[in-house]
């Protein structure tokens, strides 16, 4: 029975990590004192060091030669990156002008943060593969999106944070991003040849480490939020509405990218790559970059909530669509 249930969850994109993430939030609600900055366990500090390690190994995994080779399909890459870093934010800016009250809240800030994040790597490539798209182009786009996000996401967020956070300093934020994220990433990229065989051998261990750090960030962020009573003003109906909004958001961008790729005359394989890579958002980078962008960890827990809902929906709905497309043609 348990095995069949597990297989059913995996088929719709829900794996153990998803349920551990939910468990981390529940644990934060029950025992918030262990994950706050004043805790003797210093879990937020450990999570901060973990961010640098994640980006070091992410750089080490990338092959500079494969990135250069992938530039040949520049039209496809341009459409995907414009969708990720321009279409998404502009859609939310438009929605914010129509519903200013909703998007002026911390949840609204979280939705905008979701919109300016880079695309996810693993699930984009997996879904493109299932739908029988261009896998090489998917790998390139997912990788280059993660690199561009280090620069573009903070620039977008500065337009909002400078208005609502009086102590926000974009120069200090970029400095911290360079120290904690960019520098480890570049160092890893230079050590790619030396570490590649080791990374391949221990890829499962590294994946578990990445997930453990993400869970730690989620736990500590929600601990701060619960300890600061950040969620007291949110009702169950509001959270349900947020989930519905994230679903509409995902489907709208997915449909728009599909239509746009048709208009631009891309092949079926290229269209699949565009719609799956262009509609995804990275929970990994959202969590780790949020650790730097939002020094107020009590705020970060609320900000991450839309992203976590979107992450679950892009797995559930995206994997279902990928399977249907994979059976076509």
Foldseek 3Di string as FASTA:
>chain_A
DVVVVQVVCVLLQHHPLLVLLVVLLVVLLVCLQCQECPHPVNLLVVLLLLLLVLLLQLLLQDAPVLLVVLCPPVVLLVLLLCLQAPVLLVVLVVVCVVVVVVLVDLLVLLSNLQSHFFFAAPVLLVLLVLLVADNSNLNNNNSVRNVVRLPRSLVSSCVPCVVVPVPDDSVVLNVSSCVRHVVSSVNSNVCNVVCVVVCVVCVVVSVVSLSVSLSSLLNSLSSLQSVVVVCVVPDPVNLVVLLVVLLCSLVVSLVVLLVVCVVVPDDPNSSSSSSSNNRGGDSSCLSSSLSRNPVSSSSSNSSCSSVSSNNSSCSRVSSVVSNVSSPDD
